[in-house]
Amino acid sequence: MRVYDLAHSRTGDKGNTANISVICYQEKDWEFLQRELTPERVMEAFRHIARGPVRRYELRNLKAFNFVIDNALGGGVTVSLAQDIHGKSLCSVMLGIELPDREPTAALR
């Protein structure tokens, strides 16, 4: 299972920092993502792009998360030589993160 099976994502930039939102499709998936989509798991997925750290902000009422990843954009828009200077494609990395399979609950059987 991957994040894209449970959520969608948007990305923004603030200098050399990426903001990546993860928004659950269904309310029932929020607690699973809260448990499994940790800052450590996200940093591991972005290790080839970012130096971190990664901070996760929980938006329980929206069933969403905002991940803030420092040192992720090659210095920022004005100095980066990257093709994606705003980091818009980083949501694809987030959505591709593998998650452990979960046990089916009574509601899912």
PDB file of N, CA and C in Angstrom:
ATOM      1  N   MET A   1       0.846  -1.164   0.000  1.00  0.00           N
ATOM      2  CA  MET A   1       0.000   0.000   0.000  1.00  0.00           C
ATOM      3  C   MET A   1       0.898   1.236   0.000  1.00  0.00           C
ATOM      4  N   ARG A   2       0.472   2.243  -0.718  1.00  0.00           N
ATOM      5  CA  ARG A   2       1.200   3.512  -0.770  1.00  0.00           C
ATOM      6  C   ARG A   2       0.290   4.642  -0.296  1.00  0.00           C
ATOM      7  N   VAL A   3       0.907   5.771   0.002  1.00  0.00           N
ATOM      8  CA  VAL A   3       0.134   6.917   0.480  1.00  0.00           C
ATOM      9  C   VAL A   3      -0.951   7.273  -0.529  1.00  0.00           C
ATOM     10  N   TYR A   4      -0.655   7.177  -1.833  1.00  0.00           N
ATOM     11  CA  TYR A   4      -1.651   7.578  -2.833  1.00  0.00           C
ATOM     12  C   TYR A   4      -2.912   6.724  -2.809  1.00  0.00           C
ATOM     13  N   ASP A   5      -2.866   5.560  -2.167  1.00  0.00           N
ATOM     14  CA  ASP A   5      -4.070   4.746  -2.030  1.00  0.00           C
ATOM     15  C   ASP A   5      -5.055   5.347  -1.030  1.00  0.00           C
ATOM     16  N   LEU A   6      -4.560   6.217  -0.144  1.00  0.00           N
ATOM     17  CA  LEU A   6      -5.368   6.745   0.955  1.00  0.00           C
ATOM     18  C   LEU A   6      -5.551   8.257   0.936  1.00  0.00           C
ATOM     19  N   ALA A   7      -4.725   8.964   0.158  1.00  0.00           N
ATOM     20  CA  ALA A   7      -4.722  10.427   0.274  1.00  0.00           C
ATOM     21  C   ALA A   7      -4.253  11.078  -1.023  1.00  0.00           C
ATOM     22  N   HIS A   8      -4.474  12.373  -1.087  1.00  0.00           N
ATOM     23  CA  HIS A   8      -3.879  13.169  -2.162  1.00  0.00           C
ATOM     24  C   HIS A   8      -2.960  14.201  -1.516  1.00  0.00           C
ATOM     25  N   SER A   9      -2.231  14.939  -2.339  1.00  0.00           N
ATOM     26  CA  SER A   9      -1.182  15.800  -1.805  1.00  0.00           C
ATOM     27  C   SER A   9      -1.007  17.041  -2.668  1.00  0.00           C
ATOM     28  N   ARG A  10      -0.566  18.107  -2.029  1.00  0.00           N
ATOM     29  CA  ARG A  10      -0.197  19.356  -2.708  1.00  0.00           C
ATOM     30  C   ARG A  10       1.121  19.829  -2.098  1.00  0.00           C
ATOM     31  N   THR A  11       1.867  20.581  -2.886  1.00  0.00           N
ATOM     32  CA  THR A  11       3.173  21.045  -2.432  1.00  0.00           C
ATOM     33  C   THR A  11       3.319  22.543  -2.653  1.00  0.00           C
ATOM     34  N   GLY A  12       4.035  23.182  -1.741  1.00  0.00           N
ATOM     35  CA  GLY A  12       4.380  24.588  -1.882  1.00  0.00           C
ATOM     36  C   GLY A  12       5.797  24.821  -1.398  1.00  0.00           C
ATOM     37  N   ASP A  13       6.297  26.010  -1.617  1.00  0.00           N
ATOM     38  CA  ASP A  13       7.667  26.308  -1.200  1.00  0.00           C
ATOM     39  C   ASP A  13       7.712  27.598  -0.407  1.00  0.00           C
ATOM     40  N   LYS A  14       8.668  27.651   0.488  1.00  0.00           N
ATOM     41  CA  LYS A  14       9.005  28.854   1.265  1.00  0.00           C
ATOM     42  C   LYS A  14      10.527  28.894   1.337  1.00  0.00           C
ATOM     43  N   GLY A  15      11.138  29.568   0.385  1.00  0.00           N
ATOM     44  CA  GLY A  15      12.598  29.597   0.353  1.00  0.00           C
ATOM     45  C   GLY A  15      13.146  28.214   0.053  1.00  0.00           C
ATOM     46  N   ASN A  16      13.967  27.690   0.950  1.00  0.00           N
ATOM     47  CA  ASN A  16      14.573  26.375   0.785  1.00  0.00           C
ATOM     48  C   ASN A  16      13.769  25.300   1.513  1.00  0.00           C
ATOM     49  N   THR A  17      12.543  25.625   1.879  1.00  0.00           N
ATOM     50  CA  THR A  17      11.692  24.721   2.652  1.00  0.00           C
ATOM     51  C   THR A  17      10.477  24.319   1.826  1.00  0.00           C
ATOM     52  N   ALA A  18      10.168  23.027   1.835  1.00  0.00           N
ATOM     53  CA  ALA A  18       8.983  22.521   1.140  1.00  0.00           C
ATOM     54  C   ALA A  18       7.868  22.261   2.144  1.00  0.00           C
ATOM     55  N   ASN A  19       6.661  22.636   1.777  1.00  0.00           N
ATOM     56  CA  ASN A  19       5.448  22.297   2.532  1.00  0.00           C
ATOM     57  C   ASN A  19       4.695  21.279   1.697  1.00  0.00           C
ATOM     58  N   ILE A  20       4.414  20.136   2.283  1.00  0.00           N
ATOM     59  CA  ILE A  20       3.687  19.103   1.548  1.00  0.00           C
ATOM     60  C   ILE A  20       2.481  18.685   2.372  1.00  0.00           C
ATOM     61  N   SER A  21       1.313  18.923   1.826  1.00  0.00           N
ATOM     62  CA  SER A  21       0.092  18.512   2.516  1.00  0.00           C
ATOM     63  C   SER A  21      -0.300  17.111   2.061  1.00  0.00           C
ATOM     64  N   VAL A  22      -0.868  16.365   2.988  1.00  0.00           N
ATOM     65  CA  VAL A  22      -1.410  15.034   2.719  1.00  0.00           C
ATOM     66  C   VAL A  22      -2.833  15.053   3.258  1.00  0.00           C
ATOM     67  N   ILE A  23      -3.807  14.865   2.383  1.00  0.00           N
ATOM     68  CA  ILE A  23      -5.215  14.978   2.759  1.00  0.00           C
ATOM     69  C   ILE A  23      -5.899  13.643   2.489  1.00  0.00           C
ATOM     70  N   CYS A  24      -6.466  13.061   3.519  1.00  0.00           N
ATOM     71  CA  CYS A  24      -7.119  11.752   3.397  1.00  0.00           C
ATOM     72  C   CYS A  24      -8.336  11.829   2.487  1.00  0.00           C
ATOM     73  N   TYR A  25      -8.508  10.790   1.681  1.00  0.00           N
ATOM     74  CA  TYR A  25      -9.736  10.673   0.898  1.00  0.00           C
ATOM     75  C   TYR A  25     -10.920  10.375   1.811  1.00  0.00           C
ATOM     76  N   GLN A  26     -10.666   9.483   2.792  1.00  0.00           N
ATOM     77  CA  GLN A  26     -11.733   9.059   3.694  1.00  0.00           C
ATOM     78  C   GLN A  26     -11.300   9.271   5.140  1.00  0.00           C
ATOM     79  N   GLU A  27     -12.213   9.708   5.943  1.00  0.00           N
ATOM     80  CA  GLU A  27     -11.942  10.001   7.350  1.00  0.00           C
ATOM     81  C   GLU A  27     -11.354   8.804   8.087  1.00  0.00           C
ATOM     82  N   LYS A  28     -11.793   7.605   7.746  1.00  0.00           N
ATOM     83  CA  LYS A  28     -11.358   6.401   8.455  1.00  0.00           C
ATOM     84  C   LYS A  28      -9.861   6.120   8.292  1.00  0.00           C
ATOM     85  N   ASP A  29      -9.214   6.712   7.309  1.00  0.00           N
ATOM     86  CA  ASP A  29      -7.794   6.442   7.070  1.00  0.00           C
ATOM     87  C   ASP A  29      -6.856   7.356   7.847  1.00  0.00           C
ATOM     88  N   TRP A  30      -7.389   8.378   8.501  1.00  0.00           N
ATOM     89  CA  TRP A  30      -6.538   9.368   9.150  1.00  0.00           C
ATOM     90  C   TRP A  30      -5.682   8.766  10.263  1.00  0.00           C
ATOM     91  N   GLU A  31      -6.266   7.958  11.122  1.00  0.00           N
ATOM     92  CA  GLU A  31      -5.494   7.387  12.235  1.00  0.00           C
ATOM     93  C   GLU A  31      -4.398   6.454  11.740  1.00  0.00           C
ATOM     94  N   PHE A  32      -4.673   5.707  10.672  1.00  0.00           N
ATOM     95  CA  PHE A  32      -3.646   4.846  10.099  1.00  0.00           C
ATOM     96  C   PHE A  32      -2.480   5.691   9.598  1.00  0.00           C
ATOM     97  N   LEU A  33      -2.769   6.753   8.864  1.00  0.00           N
ATOM     98  CA  LEU A  33      -1.697   7.628   8.384  1.00  0.00           C
ATOM     99  C   LEU A  33      -1.002   8.339   9.541  1.00  0.00           C
ATOM    100  N   GLN A  34      -1.739   8.699  10.556  1.00  0.00           N
ATOM    101  CA  GLN A  34      -1.130   9.333  11.727  1.00  0.00           C
ATOM    102  C   GLN A  34      -0.083   8.410  12.345  1.00  0.00           C
ATOM    103  N   ARG A  35      -0.389   7.135  12.392  1.00  0.00           N
ATOM    104  CA  ARG A  35       0.518   6.153  12.990  1.00  0.00           C
ATOM    105  C   ARG A  35       1.694   5.812  12.064  1.00  0.00           C
ATOM    106  N   GLU A  36       1.439   5.697  10.778  1.00  0.00           N
ATOM    107  CA  GLU A  36       2.445   5.155   9.857  1.00  0.00           C
ATOM    108  C   GLU A  36       3.233   6.190   9.058  1.00  0.00           C
ATOM    109  N   LEU A  37       2.647   7.333   8.777  1.00  0.00           N
ATOM    110  CA  LEU A  37       3.346   8.340   7.969  1.00  0.00           C
ATOM    111  C   LEU A  37       4.065   9.307   8.910  1.00  0.00           C
ATOM    112  N   THR A  38       5.129   8.802   9.489  1.00  0.00           N
ATOM    113  CA  THR A  38       5.889   9.548  10.494  1.00  0.00           C
ATOM    114  C   THR A  38       6.902  10.477   9.827  1.00  0.00           C
ATOM    115  N   PRO A  39       7.375  11.480  10.550  1.00  0.00           N
ATOM    116  CA  PRO A  39       8.445  12.325  10.002  1.00  0.00           C
ATOM    117  C   PRO A  39       9.682  11.509   9.619  1.00  0.00           C
ATOM    118  N   GLU A  40       9.977  10.468  10.368  1.00  0.00           N
ATOM    119  CA  GLU A  40      11.139   9.623  10.061  1.00  0.00           C
ATOM    120  C   GLU A  40      10.943   8.881   8.737  1.00  0.00           C
ATOM    121  N   ARG A  41       9.758   8.344   8.517  1.00  0.00           N
ATOM    122  CA  ARG A  41       9.472   7.637   7.260  1.00  0.00           C
ATOM    123  C   ARG A  41       9.530   8.612   6.079  1.00  0.00           C
ATOM    124  N   VAL A  42       9.017   9.811   6.281  1.00  0.00           N
ATOM    125  CA  VAL A  42       9.051  10.827   5.224  1.00  0.00           C
ATOM    126  C   VAL A  42      10.498  11.233   4.932  1.00  0.00           C
ATOM    127  N   MET A  43      11.298  11.451   5.965  1.00  0.00           N
ATOM    128  CA  MET A  43      12.704  11.832   5.751  1.00  0.00           C
ATOM    129  C   MET A  43      13.444  10.744   4.991  1.00  0.00           C
ATOM    130  N   GLU A  44      13.169   9.496   5.296  1.00  0.00           N
ATOM    131  CA  GLU A  44      13.802   8.388   4.579  1.00  0.00           C
ATOM    132  C   GLU A  44      13.457   8.450   3.086  1.00  0.00           C
ATOM    133  N   ALA A  45      12.219   8.755   2.760  1.00  0.00           N
ATOM    134  CA  ALA A  45      11.799   8.837   1.358  1.00  0.00           C
ATOM    135  C   ALA A  45      12.441  10.018   0.633  1.00  0.00           C
ATOM    136  N   PHE A  46      12.735  11.081   1.369  1.00  0.00           N
ATOM    137  CA  PHE A  46      13.287  12.304   0.772  1.00  0.00           C
ATOM    138  C   PHE A  46      14.801  12.431   0.962  1.00  0.00           C
ATOM    139  N   ARG A  47      15.449  11.398   1.455  1.00  0.00           N
ATOM    140  CA  ARG A  47      16.877  11.490   1.797  1.00  0.00           C
ATOM    141  C   ARG A  47      17.747  11.870   0.594  1.00  0.00           C
ATOM    142  N   HIS A  48      17.328  11.520  -0.604  1.00  0.00           N
ATOM    143  CA  HIS A  48      18.108  11.852  -1.802  1.00  0.00           C
ATOM    144  C   HIS A  48      17.861  13.290  -2.275  1.00  0.00           C
ATOM    145  N   ILE A  49      16.870  13.967  -1.671  1.00  0.00           N
ATOM    146  CA  ILE A  49      16.498  15.320  -2.080  1.00  0.00           C
ATOM    147  C   ILE A  49      16.778  16.338  -0.986  1.00  0.00           C
ATOM    148  N   ALA A  50      16.435  15.985   0.242  1.00  0.00           N
ATOM    149  CA  ALA A  50      16.434  16.955   1.345  1.00  0.00           C
ATOM    150  C   ALA A  50      17.390  16.552   2.461  1.00  0.00           C
ATOM    151  N   ARG A  51      17.856  17.561   3.178  1.00  0.00           N
ATOM    152  CA  ARG A  51      18.689  17.306   4.362  1.00  0.00           C
ATOM    153  C   ARG A  51      17.859  17.361   5.639  1.00  0.00           C
ATOM    154  N   GLY A  52      16.671  17.919   5.549  1.00  0.00           N
ATOM    155  CA  GLY A  52      15.780  17.955   6.708  1.00  0.00           C
ATOM    156  C   GLY A  52      16.142  19.044   7.679  1.00  0.00           C
ATOM    157  N   PRO A  53      15.528  19.017   8.823  1.00  0.00           N
ATOM    158  CA  PRO A  53      14.627  17.998   9.362  1.00  0.00           C
ATOM    159  C   PRO A  53      13.228  18.092   8.768  1.00  0.00           C
ATOM    160  N   VAL A  54      12.403  17.092   9.133  1.00  0.00           N
ATOM    161  CA  VAL A  54      10.997  17.039   8.738  1.00  0.00           C
ATOM    162  C   VAL A  54      10.144  17.267   9.979  1.00  0.00           C
ATOM    163  N   ARG A  55       9.184  18.170   9.850  1.00  0.00           N
ATOM    164  CA  ARG A  55       8.212  18.389  10.932  1.00  0.00           C
ATOM    165  C   ARG A  55       6.830  18.072  10.385  1.00  0.00           C
ATOM    166  N   ARG A  56       6.017  17.422  11.216  1.00  0.00           N
ATOM    167  CA  ARG A  56       4.647  17.082  10.810  1.00  0.00           C
ATOM    168  C   ARG A  56       3.655  17.839  11.680  1.00  0.00           C
ATOM    169  N   TYR A  57       2.722  18.492  11.021  1.00  0.00           N
ATOM    170  CA  TYR A  57       1.641  19.187  11.713  1.00  0.00           C
ATOM    171  C   TYR A  57       0.343  18.459  11.382  1.00  0.00           C
ATOM    172  N   GLU A  58      -0.407  18.131  12.423  1.00  0.00           N
ATOM    173  CA  GLU A  58      -1.649  17.388  12.247  1.00  0.00           C
ATOM    174  C   GLU A  58      -2.835  18.340  12.205  1.00  0.00           C
ATOM    175  N   LEU A  59      -3.682  18.149  11.230  1.00  0.00           N
ATOM    176  CA  LEU A  59      -4.901  18.934  11.073  1.00  0.00           C
ATOM    177  C   LEU A  59      -6.078  17.967  11.219  1.00  0.00           C
ATOM    178  N   ARG A  60      -6.312  17.566  12.449  1.00  0.00           N
ATOM    179  CA  ARG A  60      -7.282  16.506  12.737  1.00  0.00           C
ATOM    180  C   ARG A  60      -8.667  16.809  12.155  1.00  0.00           C
ATOM    181  N   ASN A  61      -9.135  18.032  12.318  1.00  0.00           N
ATOM    182  CA  ASN A  61     -10.481  18.367  11.829  1.00  0.00           C
ATOM    183  C   ASN A  61     -10.599  18.271  10.312  1.00  0.00           C
ATOM    184  N   LEU A  62      -9.487  18.429   9.621  1.00  0.00           N
ATOM    185  CA  LEU A  62      -9.480  18.330   8.160  1.00  0.00           C
ATOM    186  C   LEU A  62      -9.068  16.949   7.675  1.00  0.00           C
ATOM    187  N   LYS A  63      -8.656  16.090   8.609  1.00  0.00           N
ATOM    188  CA  LYS A  63      -8.124  14.762   8.273  1.00  0.00           C
ATOM    189  C   LYS A  63      -6.950  14.912   7.308  1.00  0.00           C
ATOM    190  N   ALA A  64      -6.029  15.783   7.719  1.00  0.00           N
ATOM    191  CA  ALA A  64      -4.885  16.103   6.867  1.00  0.00           C
ATOM    192  C   ALA A  64      -3.633  16.311   7.716  1.00  0.00           C
ATOM    193  N   PHE A  65      -2.507  16.357   7.035  1.00  0.00           N
ATOM    194  CA  PHE A  65      -1.208  16.629   7.652  1.00  0.00           C
ATOM    195  C   PHE A  65      -0.488  17.652   6.788  1.00  0.00           C
ATOM    196  N   ASN A  66       0.365  18.427   7.403  1.00  0.00           N
ATOM    197  CA  ASN A  66       1.268  19.301   6.665  1.00  0.00           C
ATOM    198  C   ASN A  66       2.679  18.938   7.095  1.00  0.00           C
ATOM    199  N   PHE A  67       3.470  18.490   6.144  1.00  0.00           N
ATOM    200  CA  PHE A  67       4.863  18.164   6.404  1.00  0.00           C
ATOM    201  C   PHE A  67       5.714  19.330   5.928  1.00  0.00           C
ATOM    202  N   VAL A  68       6.581  19.804   6.795  1.00  0.00           N
ATOM    203  CA  VAL A  68       7.504  20.884   6.471  1.00  0.00           C
ATOM    204  C   VAL A  68       8.893  20.261   6.430  1.00  0.00           C
ATOM    205  N   ILE A  69       9.523  20.332   5.265  1.00  0.00           N
ATOM    206  CA  ILE A  69      10.829  19.705   5.066  1.00  0.00           C
ATOM    207  C   ILE A  69      11.841  20.800   4.764  1.00  0.00           C
ATOM    208  N   ASP A  70      12.760  20.994   5.692  1.00  0.00           N
ATOM    209  CA  ASP A  70      13.797  22.012   5.528  1.00  0.00           C
ATOM    210  C   ASP A  70      14.907  21.511   4.609  1.00  0.00           C
ATOM    211  N   ASN A  71      15.610  22.459   4.004  1.00  0.00           N
ATOM    212  CA  ASN A  71      16.756  22.155   3.143  1.00  0.00           C
ATOM    213  C   ASN A  71      16.380  21.170   2.037  1.00  0.00           C
ATOM    214  N   ALA A  72      15.252  21.453   1.379  1.00  0.00           N
ATOM    215  CA  ALA A  72      14.707  20.517   0.400  1.00  0.00           C
ATOM    216  C   ALA A  72      14.704  21.040  -1.031  1.00  0.00           C
ATOM    217  N   LEU A  73      15.052  22.311  -1.232  1.00  0.00           N
ATOM    218  CA  LEU A  73      14.866  22.901  -2.560  1.00  0.00           C
ATOM    219  C   LEU A  73      16.146  23.500  -3.144  1.00  0.00           C
ATOM    220  N   GLY A  74      17.270  22.922  -2.819  1.00  0.00           N
ATOM    221  CA  GLY A  74      18.524  23.366  -3.420  1.00  0.00           C
ATOM    222  C   GLY A  74      18.873  24.810  -3.156  1.00  0.00           C
ATOM    223  N   GLY A  75      18.434  25.336  -2.031  1.00  0.00           N
ATOM    224  CA  GLY A  75      18.742  26.714  -1.669  1.00  0.00           C
ATOM    225  C   GLY A  75      17.605  27.688  -1.906  1.00  0.00           C
ATOM    226  N   GLY A  76      16.587  27.274  -2.644  1.00  0.00           N
ATOM    227  CA  GLY A  76      15.440  28.148  -2.904  1.00  0.00           C
ATOM    228  C   GLY A  76      15.387  28.608  -4.348  1.00  0.00           C
ATOM    229  N   VAL A  77      14.302  29.249  -4.699  1.00  0.00           N
ATOM    230  CA  VAL A  77      14.005  29.636  -6.082  1.00  0.00           C
ATOM    231  C   VAL A  77      15.102  30.488  -6.711  1.00  0.00           C
ATOM    232  N   THR A  78      15.660  31.413  -5.977  1.00  0.00           N
ATOM    233  CA  THR A  78      16.603  32.360  -6.582  1.00  0.00           C
ATOM    234  C   THR A  78      18.004  31.806  -6.781  1.00  0.00           C
ATOM    235  N   VAL A  79      18.331  30.673  -6.165  1.00  0.00           N
ATOM    236  CA  VAL A  79      19.685  30.134  -6.306  1.00  0.00           C
ATOM    237  C   VAL A  79      19.734  28.702  -6.819  1.00  0.00           C
ATOM    238  N   SER A  80      18.626  27.995  -6.823  1.00  0.00           N
ATOM    239  CA  SER A  80      18.614  26.586  -7.209  1.00  0.00           C
ATOM    240  C   SER A  80      18.790  26.423  -8.716  1.00  0.00           C
ATOM    241  N   LEU A  81      19.520  25.398  -9.091  1.00  0.00           N
ATOM    242  CA  LEU A  81      19.669  25.036 -10.498  1.00  0.00           C
ATOM    243  C   LEU A  81      18.743  23.886 -10.874  1.00  0.00           C
ATOM    244  N   ALA A  82      17.903  23.465  -9.953  1.00  0.00           N
ATOM    245  CA  ALA A  82      16.977  22.364 -10.212  1.00  0.00           C
ATOM    246  C   ALA A  82      15.919  22.781 -11.231  1.00  0.00           C
ATOM    247  N   GLN A  83      15.388  21.807 -11.964  1.00  0.00           N
ATOM    248  CA  GLN A  83      14.321  22.114 -12.919  1.00  0.00           C
ATOM    249  C   GLN A  83      13.017  22.465 -12.213  1.00  0.00           C
ATOM    250  N   ASP A  84      12.774  21.851 -11.073  1.00  0.00           N
ATOM    251  CA  ASP A  84      11.538  22.094 -10.323  1.00  0.00           C
ATOM    252  C   ASP A  84      11.873  22.958  -9.110  1.00  0.00           C
ATOM    253  N   ILE A  85      12.156  24.232  -9.344  1.00  0.00           N
ATOM    254  CA  ILE A  85      12.643  25.097  -8.266  1.00  0.00           C
ATOM    255  C   ILE A  85      11.606  25.348  -7.180  1.00  0.00           C
ATOM    256  N   HIS A  86      10.335  25.200  -7.506  1.00  0.00           N
ATOM    257  CA  HIS A  86       9.279  25.397  -6.503  1.00  0.00           C
ATOM    258  C   HIS A  86       8.925  24.104  -5.775  1.00  0.00           C
ATOM    259  N   GLY A  87       9.464  22.974  -6.211  1.00  0.00           N
ATOM    260  CA  GLY A  87       9.218  21.701  -5.544  1.00  0.00           C
ATOM    261  C   GLY A  87       7.832  21.126  -5.758  1.00  0.00           C
ATOM    262  N   LYS A  88       7.153  21.529  -6.822  1.00  0.00           N
ATOM    263  CA  LYS A  88       5.780  21.058  -7.049  1.00  0.00           C
ATOM    264  C   LYS A  88       5.701  19.545  -7.251  1.00  0.00           C
ATOM    265  N   SER A  89       6.749  18.942  -7.770  1.00  0.00           N
ATOM    266  CA  SER A  89       6.712  17.499  -8.006  1.00  0.00           C
ATOM    267  C   SER A  89       6.996  16.677  -6.748  1.00  0.00           C
ATOM    268  N   LEU A  90       7.346  17.334  -5.649  1.00  0.00           N
ATOM    269  CA  LEU A  90       7.656  16.589  -4.424  1.00  0.00           C
ATOM    270  C   LEU A  90       6.453  15.828  -3.881  1.00  0.00           C
ATOM    271  N   CYS A  91       5.250  16.258  -4.217  1.00  0.00           N
ATOM    272  CA  CYS A  91       4.075  15.516  -3.746  1.00  0.00           C
ATOM    273  C   CYS A  91       4.056  14.112  -4.347  1.00  0.00           C
ATOM    274  N   SER A  92       4.654  13.925  -5.510  1.00  0.00           N
ATOM    275  CA  SER A  92       4.728  12.586  -6.098  1.00  0.00           C
ATOM    276  C   SER A  92       5.602  11.665  -5.261  1.00  0.00           C
ATOM    277  N   VAL A  93       6.675  12.206  -4.714  1.00  0.00           N
ATOM    278  CA  VAL A  93       7.525  11.411  -3.818  1.00  0.00           C
ATOM    279  C   VAL A  93       6.731  11.033  -2.572  1.00  0.00           C
ATOM    280  N   MET A  94       6.023  12.009  -2.005  1.00  0.00           N
ATOM    281  CA  MET A  94       5.218  11.746  -0.807  1.00  0.00           C
ATOM    282  C   MET A  94       4.169  10.671  -1.079  1.00  0.00           C
ATOM    283  N   LEU A  95       3.458  10.789  -2.188  1.00  0.00           N
ATOM    284  CA  LEU A  95       2.396   9.835  -2.495  1.00  0.00           C
ATOM    285  C   LEU A  95       2.927   8.439  -2.788  1.00  0.00           C
ATOM    286  N   GLY A  96       4.188   8.343  -3.184  1.00  0.00           N
ATOM    287  CA  GLY A  96       4.785   7.048  -3.480  1.00  0.00           C
ATOM    288  C   GLY A  96       5.367   6.319  -2.283  1.00  0.00           C
ATOM    289  N   ILE A  97       5.316   6.921  -1.107  1.00  0.00           N
ATOM    290  CA  ILE A  97       5.870   6.270   0.089  1.00  0.00           C
ATOM    291  C   ILE A  97       5.091   4.995   0.384  1.00  0.00           C
ATOM    292  N   GLU A  98       5.835   3.908   0.561  1.00  0.00           N
ATOM    293  CA  GLU A  98       5.214   2.625   0.903  1.00  0.00           C
ATOM    294  C   GLU A  98       4.859   2.591   2.371  1.00  0.00           C
ATOM    295  N   LEU A  99       3.687   2.046   2.638  1.00  0.00           N
ATOM    296  CA  LEU A  99       3.194   1.882   4.001  1.00  0.00           C
ATOM    297  C   LEU A  99       2.967   0.396   4.246  1.00  0.00           C
ATOM    298  N   PRO A 100       3.032  -0.030   5.500  1.00  0.00           N
ATOM    299  CA  PRO A 100       2.733  -1.439   5.775  1.00  0.00           C
ATOM    300  C   PRO A 100       1.258  -1.724   5.499  1.00  0.00           C
ATOM    301  N   ASP A 101       0.992  -2.940   5.077  1.00  0.00           N
ATOM    302  CA  ASP A 101      -0.413  -3.326   4.918  1.00  0.00           C
ATOM    303  C   ASP A 101      -1.059  -3.343   6.283  1.00  0.00           C
ATOM    304  N   ARG A 102      -2.298  -2.999   6.324  1.00  0.00           N
ATOM    305  CA  ARG A 102      -3.002  -3.009   7.603  1.00  0.00           C
ATOM    306  C   ARG A 102      -3.962  -4.182   7.651  1.00  0.00           C
ATOM    307  N   GLU A 103      -4.219  -4.600   8.878  1.00  0.00           N
ATOM    308  CA  GLU A 103      -5.171  -5.680   9.084  1.00  0.00           C
ATOM    309  C   GLU A 103      -6.568  -5.167   8.753  1.00  0.00           C
ATOM    310  N   PRO A 104      -7.364  -5.959   8.067  1.00  0.00           N
ATOM    311  CA  PRO A 104      -8.727  -5.507   7.801  1.00  0.00           C
ATOM    312  C   PRO A 104      -9.521  -5.384   9.101  1.00  0.00           C
ATOM    313  N   THR A 105     -10.269  -4.331   9.206  1.00  0.00           N
ATOM    314  CA  THR A 105     -11.133  -4.164  10.372  1.00  0.00           C
ATOM    315  C   THR A 105     -12.502  -4.731  10.037  1.00  0.00           C
ATOM    316  N   ALA A 106     -13.330  -4.877  11.040  1.00  0.00           N
ATOM    317  CA  ALA A 106     -14.674  -5.411  10.820  1.00  0.00           C
ATOM    318  C   ALA A 106     -15.430  -4.567   9.800  1.00  0.00           C
ATOM    319  N   ALA A 107     -15.204  -3.257   9.819  1.00  0.00           N
ATOM    320  CA  ALA A 107     -15.903  -2.357   8.893  1.00  0.00           C
ATOM    321  C   ALA A 107     -15.449  -2.562   7.452  1.00  0.00           C
ATOM    322  N   LEU A 108     -14.236  -3.085   7.257  1.00  0.00           N
ATOM    323  CA  LEU A 108     -13.704  -3.256   5.913  1.00  0.00           C
ATOM    324  C   LEU A 108     -13.959  -4.648   5.348  1.00  0.00           C
ATOM    325  N   ARG A 109     -14.383  -5.584   6.156  1.00  0.00           N
ATOM    326  CA  ARG A 109     -14.569  -6.964   5.678  1.00  0.00           C
ATOM    327  C   ARG A 109     -15.836  -7.126   4.916  1.00  0.00           C
TER     328      ARG A 109
END
